[in-house]
Each structure stands twice: as C-alpha cells, then as structure tokens.
Amino acid sequence: MRTPPSIGFRPGTMNTLRLIAHLPNFVKLYWRLFNDKRVSWLPKAMLVGALLYLVIPFDFVPVLPVIGCVDDAVIVGAALWAFMKLCPRRVVLEHVEIIDQGG
C-alpha cells in the first residue's frame, strides 16, 4: 500500500524543518490513535511506559549527563516508532486522512 500523497512527505525523507512543521499533526495523530478503541492495549502501554520513563528521574547511564539525555531520546523515539508500527495500518491511514482534512 502506498503512502497517501496528502501526508506531505515520504517516509525516510523528512528533514528537520518539515518535521517541526508537521509536529502538531503528529501530536494529533498519536492522541487520536491512543484514544481509538481499535488500537490494542500493547502499543498504548508501551507509549505510556516510554512517557513515564521520560518523566521519572532515572537514567540507564547516570554517569554522563549528555548520554543520559540521549538514552531518553532514543527510548522515547523507539517507543513512538513502535507505537505507530503496532497500530493497525488502516486505522492510522484513516486518522491521517481526517487530520489532513482539518479534523
């Protein structure tokens, strides 16, 4: 299945400015998917766990503060990616279309 042209980018080709411009849409998409009953509990639990990890003052590598921030970013980024991959594709595309139409 092709990526709908209405999304505005192709996976793997987004630069930083386009990412920042689309950030509100990504937040809407994650929020809508999190509240959708068709998405199972596993991706939702993983997303909540990653956000809790970000909030709780615990680092896997507490020795170097910079590396501690990097591991937080990697874990949250991996959780966001996995959440999207574990959501049913048709549900994701449905929400992308709704957001693209201004919803």
Foldseek 3Di string as FASTA:
>chain_A
DDDDVLLPDDPPPDDPVVCVVCVVVLVQLVVVLLPDPQQDVVLNVLQVVLVVVLVDPDAPDPPDPVVRVVVNVVSNVVSSVVSVVRGPPVVSSVSSVVVSVPD
